């Protein structure tokens, strides 16, 4: 019967798992950075394209 959890006596067996985990964390951070950068670029593009409508909308909501 195989035990449910396996904790090796030789701790060097953890090295490949730590390396893989580190790589995935780095890739996740890079992906998040790229998404935030793209989102800010899209927001600026949207604000530039619809600047007049946004100001008009803001002006009408301020008067009510």
PDB file of N, CA and C in Angstrom:
ATOM      1  N   UNK A   1       0.842  -1.189   0.000  1.00  0.00           N
ATOM      2  CA  UNK A   1       0.000   0.000   0.000  1.00  0.00           C
ATOM      3  C   UNK A   1       0.888   1.253   0.000  1.00  0.00           C
ATOM      4  N   UNK A   2       0.547   2.178  -0.883  1.00  0.00           N
ATOM      5  CA  UNK A   2       1.332   3.404  -1.015  1.00  0.00           C
ATOM      6  C   UNK A   2       0.805   4.475  -0.054  1.00  0.00           C
ATOM      7  N   UNK A   3       1.691   5.166   0.636  1.00  0.00           N
ATOM      8  CA  UNK A   3       1.215   6.212   1.557  1.00  0.00           C
ATOM      9  C   UNK A   3       0.575   7.362   0.784  1.00  0.00           C
ATOM     10  N   UNK A   4      -0.359   8.039   1.448  1.00  0.00           N
ATOM     11  CA  UNK A   4      -1.092   9.141   0.810  1.00  0.00           C
ATOM     12  C   UNK A   4      -0.165  10.297   0.456  1.00  0.00           C
ATOM     13  N   UNK A   5       0.679  10.702   1.389  1.00  0.00           N
ATOM     14  CA  UNK A   5       1.642  11.773   1.140  1.00  0.00           C
ATOM     15  C   UNK A   5       3.050  11.196   1.155  1.00  0.00           C
ATOM     16  N   UNK A   6       3.874  11.678   0.236  1.00  0.00           N
ATOM     17  CA  UNK A   6       5.248  11.200   0.151  1.00  0.00           C
ATOM     18  C   UNK A   6       6.191  12.359   0.394  1.00  0.00           C
ATOM     19  N   UNK A   7       6.962  12.267   1.455  1.00  0.00           N
ATOM     20  CA  UNK A   7       7.971  13.275   1.769  1.00  0.00           C
ATOM     21  C   UNK A   7       9.331  12.592   1.682  1.00  0.00           C
ATOM     22  N   UNK A   8      10.091  12.895   0.631  1.00  0.00           N
ATOM     23  CA  UNK A   8      11.359  12.190   0.442  1.00  0.00           C
ATOM     24  C   UNK A   8      12.395  12.548   1.510  1.00  0.00           C
ATOM     25  N   UNK A   9      13.217  11.561   1.833  1.00  0.00           N
ATOM     26  CA  UNK A   9      14.321  11.796   2.763  1.00  0.00           C
ATOM     27  C   UNK A   9      15.372  12.685   2.106  1.00  0.00           C
ATOM     28  N   UNK A  10      15.622  12.451   0.809  1.00  0.00           N
ATOM     29  CA  UNK A  10      16.609  13.237   0.065  1.00  0.00           C
ATOM     30  C   UNK A  10      15.932  14.518  -0.419  1.00  0.00           C
ATOM     31  N   UNK A  11      16.269  15.618   0.197  1.00  0.00           N
ATOM     32  CA  UNK A  11      15.607  16.896  -0.107  1.00  0.00           C
ATOM     33  C   UNK A  11      15.957  17.445  -1.488  1.00  0.00           C
ATOM     34  N   UNK A  12      16.936  16.876  -2.172  1.00  0.00           N
ATOM     35  CA  UNK A  12      17.266  17.339  -3.522  1.00  0.00           C
ATOM     36  C   UNK A  12      16.165  16.990  -4.518  1.00  0.00           C
ATOM     37  N   UNK A  13      15.263  16.106  -4.140  1.00  0.00           N
ATOM     38  CA  UNK A  13      14.132  15.782  -5.020  1.00  0.00           C
ATOM     39  C   UNK A  13      13.143  16.939  -5.123  1.00  0.00           C
ATOM     40  N   UNK A  14      13.237  17.899  -4.229  1.00  0.00           N
ATOM     41  CA  UNK A  14      12.373  19.081  -4.277  1.00  0.00           C
ATOM     42  C   UNK A  14      12.847  20.109  -5.301  1.00  0.00           C
ATOM     43  N   UNK A  15      14.100  20.038  -5.704  1.00  0.00           N
ATOM     44  CA  UNK A  15      14.685  21.053  -6.590  1.00  0.00           C
ATOM     45  C   UNK A  15      13.921  21.206  -7.913  1.00  0.00           C
ATOM     46  N   UNK A  16      13.591  20.127  -8.651  1.00  0.00           N
ATOM     47  CA  UNK A  16      12.832  20.321  -9.899  1.00  0.00           C
ATOM     48  C   UNK A  16      11.465  20.973  -9.683  1.00  0.00           C
ATOM     49  N   UNK A  17      10.802  20.642  -8.582  1.00  0.00           N
ATOM     50  CA  UNK A  17       9.498  21.239  -8.297  1.00  0.00           C
ATOM     51  C   UNK A  17       9.639  22.733  -8.000  1.00  0.00           C
ATOM     52  N   UNK A  18      10.666  23.102  -7.259  1.00  0.00           N
ATOM     53  CA  UNK A  18      10.892  24.514  -6.935  1.00  0.00           C
ATOM     54  C   UNK A  18      11.237  25.292  -8.200  1.00  0.00           C
ATOM     55  N   UNK A  19      12.040  24.700  -9.071  1.00  0.00           N
ATOM     56  CA  UNK A  19      12.388  25.363 -10.333  1.00  0.00           C
ATOM     57  C   UNK A  19      11.146  25.573 -11.193  1.00  0.00           C
ATOM     58  N   UNK A  20      10.317  24.529 -11.316  1.00  0.00           N
ATOM     59  CA  UNK A  20       9.090  24.651 -12.113  1.00  0.00           C
ATOM     60  C   UNK A  20       8.152  25.698 -11.514  1.00  0.00           C
ATOM     61  N   UNK A  21       8.016  25.693 -10.199  1.00  0.00           N
ATOM     62  CA  UNK A  21       7.156  26.676  -9.534  1.00  0.00           C
ATOM     63  C   UNK A  21       7.663  28.094  -9.768  1.00  0.00           C
ATOM     64  N   UNK A  22       8.961  28.275  -9.682  1.00  0.00           N
ATOM     65  CA  UNK A  22       9.557  29.597  -9.908  1.00  0.00           C
ATOM     66  C   UNK A  22       9.312  30.080 -11.337  1.00  0.00           C
ATOM     67  N   UNK A  23       9.475  29.178 -12.289  1.00  0.00           N
ATOM     68  CA  UNK A  23       9.235  29.538 -13.688  1.00  0.00           C
ATOM     69  C   UNK A  23       7.784  29.957 -13.901  1.00  0.00           C
ATOM     70  N   UNK A  24       6.836  29.191 -13.347  1.00  0.00           N
ATOM     71  CA  UNK A  24       5.418  29.531 -13.518  1.00  0.00           C
ATOM     72  C   UNK A  24       5.054  30.837 -12.822  1.00  0.00           C
ATOM     73  N   UNK A  25       5.648  31.099 -11.675  1.00  0.00           N
ATOM     74  CA  UNK A  25       5.376  32.370 -10.989  1.00  0.00           C
ATOM     75  C   UNK A  25       5.906  33.540 -11.807  1.00  0.00           C
ATOM     76  N   UNK A  26       7.106  33.395 -12.350  1.00  0.00           N
ATOM     77  CA  UNK A  26       7.681  34.459 -13.177  1.00  0.00           C
ATOM     78  C   UNK A  26       6.819  34.698 -14.416  1.00  0.00           C
ATOM     79  N   UNK A  27       6.365  33.622 -15.058  1.00  0.00           N
ATOM     80  CA  UNK A  27       5.502  33.769 -16.239  1.00  0.00           C
ATOM     81  C   UNK A  27       4.162  34.417 -15.876  1.00  0.00           C
ATOM     82  N   UNK A  28       3.620  34.091 -14.710  1.00  0.00           N
ATOM     83  CA  UNK A  28       2.359  34.700 -14.273  1.00  0.00           C
ATOM     84  C   UNK A  28       2.534  36.195 -14.020  1.00  0.00           C
ATOM     85  N   UNK A  29       3.661  36.577 -13.428  1.00  0.00           N
ATOM     86  CA  UNK A  29       3.930  38.000 -13.175  1.00  0.00           C
ATOM     87  C   UNK A  29       4.086  38.750 -14.497  1.00  0.00           C
ATOM     88  N   UNK A  30       4.792  38.153 -15.446  1.00  0.00           N
ATOM     89  CA  UNK A  30       4.967  38.781 -16.759  1.00  0.00           C
ATOM     90  C   UNK A  30       3.621  38.933 -17.465  1.00  0.00           C
ATOM     91  N   UNK A  31       2.791  37.889 -17.414  1.00  0.00           N
ATOM     92  CA  UNK A  31       1.470  37.958 -18.052  1.00  0.00           C
ATOM     93  C   UNK A  31       0.612  39.044 -17.412  1.00  0.00           C
ATOM     94  N   UNK A  32       0.653  39.146 -16.092  1.00  0.00           N
ATOM     95  CA  UNK A  32      -0.128  40.172 -15.399  1.00  0.00           C
ATOM     96  C   UNK A  32       0.370  41.569 -15.769  1.00  0.00           C
ATOM     97  N   UNK A  33       1.683  41.741 -15.845  1.00  0.00           N
ATOM     98  CA  UNK A  33       2.257  43.031 -16.234  1.00  0.00           C
ATOM     99  C   UNK A  33       1.804  43.420 -17.636  1.00  0.00           C
ATOM    100  N   UNK A  34       1.842  42.469 -18.562  1.00  0.00           N
ATOM    101  CA  UNK A  34       1.430  42.767 -19.937  1.00  0.00           C
ATOM    102  C   UNK A  34      -0.063  43.101 -20.012  1.00  0.00           C
ATOM    103  N   UNK A  35      -0.889  42.413 -19.223  1.00  0.00           N
ATOM    104  CA  UNK A  35      -2.328  42.713 -19.220  1.00  0.00           C
ATOM    105  C   UNK A  35      -2.606  44.111 -18.678  1.00  0.00           C
ATOM    106  N   UNK A  36      -1.913  44.489 -17.609  1.00  0.00           N
ATOM    107  CA  UNK A  36      -2.111  45.828 -17.037  1.00  0.00           C
ATOM    108  C   UNK A  36      -1.644  46.894 -18.018  1.00  0.00           C
ATOM    109  N   UNK A  37      -0.510  46.650 -18.658  1.00  0.00           N
ATOM    110  CA  UNK A  37       0.016  47.604 -19.642  1.00  0.00           C
ATOM    111  C   UNK A  37      -0.959  47.773 -20.806  1.00  0.00           C
ATOM    112  N   UNK A  38      -1.500  46.667 -21.324  1.00  0.00           N
ATOM    113  CA  UNK A  38      -2.469  46.721 -22.432  1.00  0.00           C
ATOM    114  C   UNK A  38      -3.750  47.416 -21.987  1.00  0.00           C
ATOM    115  N   UNK A  39      -4.191  47.147 -20.781  1.00  0.00           N
ATOM    116  CA  UNK A  39      -5.405  47.769 -20.263  1.00  0.00           C
ATOM    117  C   UNK A  39      -5.254  49.286 -20.171  1.00  0.00           C
ATOM    118  N   UNK A  40      -4.106  49.748 -19.681  1.00  0.00           N
ATOM    119  CA  UNK A  40      -3.876  51.194 -19.599  1.00  0.00           C
ATOM    120  C   UNK A  40      -3.830  51.820 -20.982  1.00  0.00           C
ATOM    121  N   UNK A  41      -3.225  51.115 -21.928  1.00  0.00           N
ATOM    122  CA  UNK A  41      -3.161  51.616 -23.302  1.00  0.00           C
ATOM    123  C   UNK A  41      -4.569  51.703 -23.901  1.00  0.00           C
ATOM    124  N   UNK A  42      -5.389  50.686 -23.669  1.00  0.00           N
ATOM    125  CA  UNK A  42      -6.768  50.693 -24.161  1.00  0.00           C
ATOM    126  C   UNK A  42      -7.584  51.808 -23.515  1.00  0.00           C
ATOM    127  N   UNK A  43      -7.357  52.053 -22.218  1.00  0.00           N
ATOM    128  CA  UNK A  43      -8.081  53.117 -21.531  1.00  0.00           C
ATOM    129  C   UNK A  43      -7.721  54.485 -22.117  1.00  0.00           C
ATOM    130  N   UNK A  44      -6.447  54.707 -22.369  1.00  0.00           N
ATOM    131  CA  UNK A  44      -6.033  55.976 -22.967  1.00  0.00           C
ATOM    132  C   UNK A  44      -6.613  56.141 -24.364  1.00  0.00           C
ATOM    133  N   UNK A  45      -6.623  55.061 -25.122  1.00  0.00           N
ATOM    134  CA  UNK A  45      -7.192  55.107 -26.468  1.00  0.00           C
ATOM    135  C   UNK A  45      -8.684  55.423 -26.413  1.00  0.00           C
ATOM    136  N   UNK A  46      -9.391  54.798 -25.482  1.00  0.00           N
ATOM    137  CA  UNK A  46     -10.825  55.039 -25.320  1.00  0.00           C
ATOM    138  C   UNK A  46     -11.080  56.484 -24.919  1.00  0.00           C
ATOM    139  N   UNK A  47     -10.317  56.968 -23.941  1.00  0.00           N
ATOM    140  CA  UNK A  47     -10.513  58.352 -23.486  1.00  0.00           C
ATOM    141  C   UNK A  47     -10.207  59.348 -24.593  1.00  0.00           C
ATOM    142  N   UNK A  48      -9.206  59.066 -25.395  1.00  0.00           N
ATOM    143  CA  UNK A  48      -8.862  59.961 -26.506  1.00  0.00           C
ATOM    144  C   UNK A  48      -9.967  59.960 -27.561  1.00  0.00           C
ATOM    145  N   UNK A  49     -10.510  58.779 -27.845  1.00  0.00           N
ATOM    146  CA  UNK A  49     -11.526  58.655 -28.889  1.00  0.00           C
ATOM    147  C   UNK A  49     -12.858  59.277 -28.470  1.00  0.00           C
ATOM    148  N   UNK A  50     -13.231  59.111 -27.197  1.00  0.00           N
ATOM    149  CA  UNK A  50     -14.547  59.564 -26.736  1.00  0.00           C
ATOM    150  C   UNK A  50     -14.451  60.715 -25.739  1.00  0.00           C
ATOM    151  N   UNK A  51     -13.412  61.525 -25.848  1.00  0.00           N
ATOM    152  CA  UNK A  51     -13.188  62.620 -24.915  1.00  0.00           C
ATOM    153  C   UNK A  51     -14.358  63.599 -24.878  1.00  0.00           C
ATOM    154  N   UNK A  52     -14.848  63.984 -26.053  1.00  0.00           N
ATOM    155  CA  UNK A  52     -15.933  64.971 -26.101  1.00  0.00           C
ATOM    156  C   UNK A  52     -17.216  64.418 -25.477  1.00  0.00           C
ATOM    157  N   UNK A  53     -17.557  63.174 -25.791  1.00  0.00           N
ATOM    158  CA  UNK A  53     -18.765  62.588 -25.211  1.00  0.00           C
ATOM    159  C   UNK A  53     -18.645  62.443 -23.697  1.00  0.00           C
ATOM    160  N   UNK A  54     -17.449  62.081 -23.216  1.00  0.00           N
ATOM    161  CA  UNK A  54     -17.251  61.937 -21.776  1.00  0.00           C
ATOM    162  C   UNK A  54     -17.400  63.273 -21.063  1.00  0.00           C
ATOM    163  N   UNK A  55     -16.842  64.345 -21.637  1.00  0.00           N
ATOM    164  CA  UNK A  55     -16.972  65.667 -21.024  1.00  0.00           C
ATOM    165  C   UNK A  55     -18.428  66.138 -21.044  1.00  0.00           C
ATOM    166  N   UNK A  56     -19.121  65.884 -22.163  1.00  0.00           N
ATOM    167  CA  UNK A  56     -20.526  66.274 -22.269  1.00  0.00           C
ATOM    168  C   UNK A  56     -21.354  65.534 -21.233  1.00  0.00           C
ATOM    169  N   UNK A  57     -21.106  64.251 -21.087  1.00  0.00           N
ATOM    170  CA  UNK A  57     -21.813  63.442 -20.101  1.00  0.00           C
ATOM    171  C   UNK A  57     -21.528  63.930 -18.688  1.00  0.00           C
ATOM    172  N   UNK A  58     -20.289  64.230 -18.399  1.00  0.00           N
ATOM    173  CA  UNK A  58     -19.905  64.717 -17.078  1.00  0.00           C
ATOM    174  C   UNK A  58     -20.579  66.058 -16.786  1.00  0.00           C
ATOM    175  N   UNK A  59     -20.648  66.907 -17.780  1.00  0.00           N
ATOM    176  CA  UNK A  59     -21.265  68.216 -17.609  1.00  0.00           C
ATOM    177  C   UNK A  59     -22.761  68.084 -17.316  1.00  0.00           C
ATOM    178  N   UNK A  60     -23.453  67.182 -18.038  1.00  0.00           N
ATOM    179  CA  UNK A  60     -24.883  67.008 -17.811  1.00  0.00           C
ATOM    180  C   UNK A  60     -25.176  66.376 -16.469  1.00  0.00           C
ATOM    181  N   UNK A  61     -24.336  65.494 -16.007  1.00  0.00           N
ATOM    182  CA  UNK A  61     -24.567  64.866 -14.690  1.00  0.00           C
ATOM    183  C   UNK A  61     -24.260  65.847 -13.560  1.00  0.00           C
ATOM    184  N   UNK A  62     -23.362  66.792 -13.774  1.00  0.00           N
ATOM    185  CA  UNK A  62     -23.052  67.788 -12.754  1.00  0.00           C
ATOM    186  C   UNK A  62     -24.219  68.757 -12.568  1.00  0.00           C
ATOM    187  N   UNK A  63     -24.966  69.047 -13.626  1.00  0.00           N
ATOM    188  CA  UNK A  63     -26.059  70.003 -13.558  1.00  0.00           C
ATOM    189  C   UNK A  63     -27.303  69.430 -12.924  1.00  0.00           C
ATOM    190  N   UNK A  64     -27.423  68.157 -12.796  1.00  0.00           N
ATOM    191  CA  UNK A  64     -28.645  67.576 -12.240  1.00  0.00           C
ATOM    192  C   UNK A  64     -28.563  67.372 -10.756  1.00  0.00           C
TER     193      UNK A  64
END
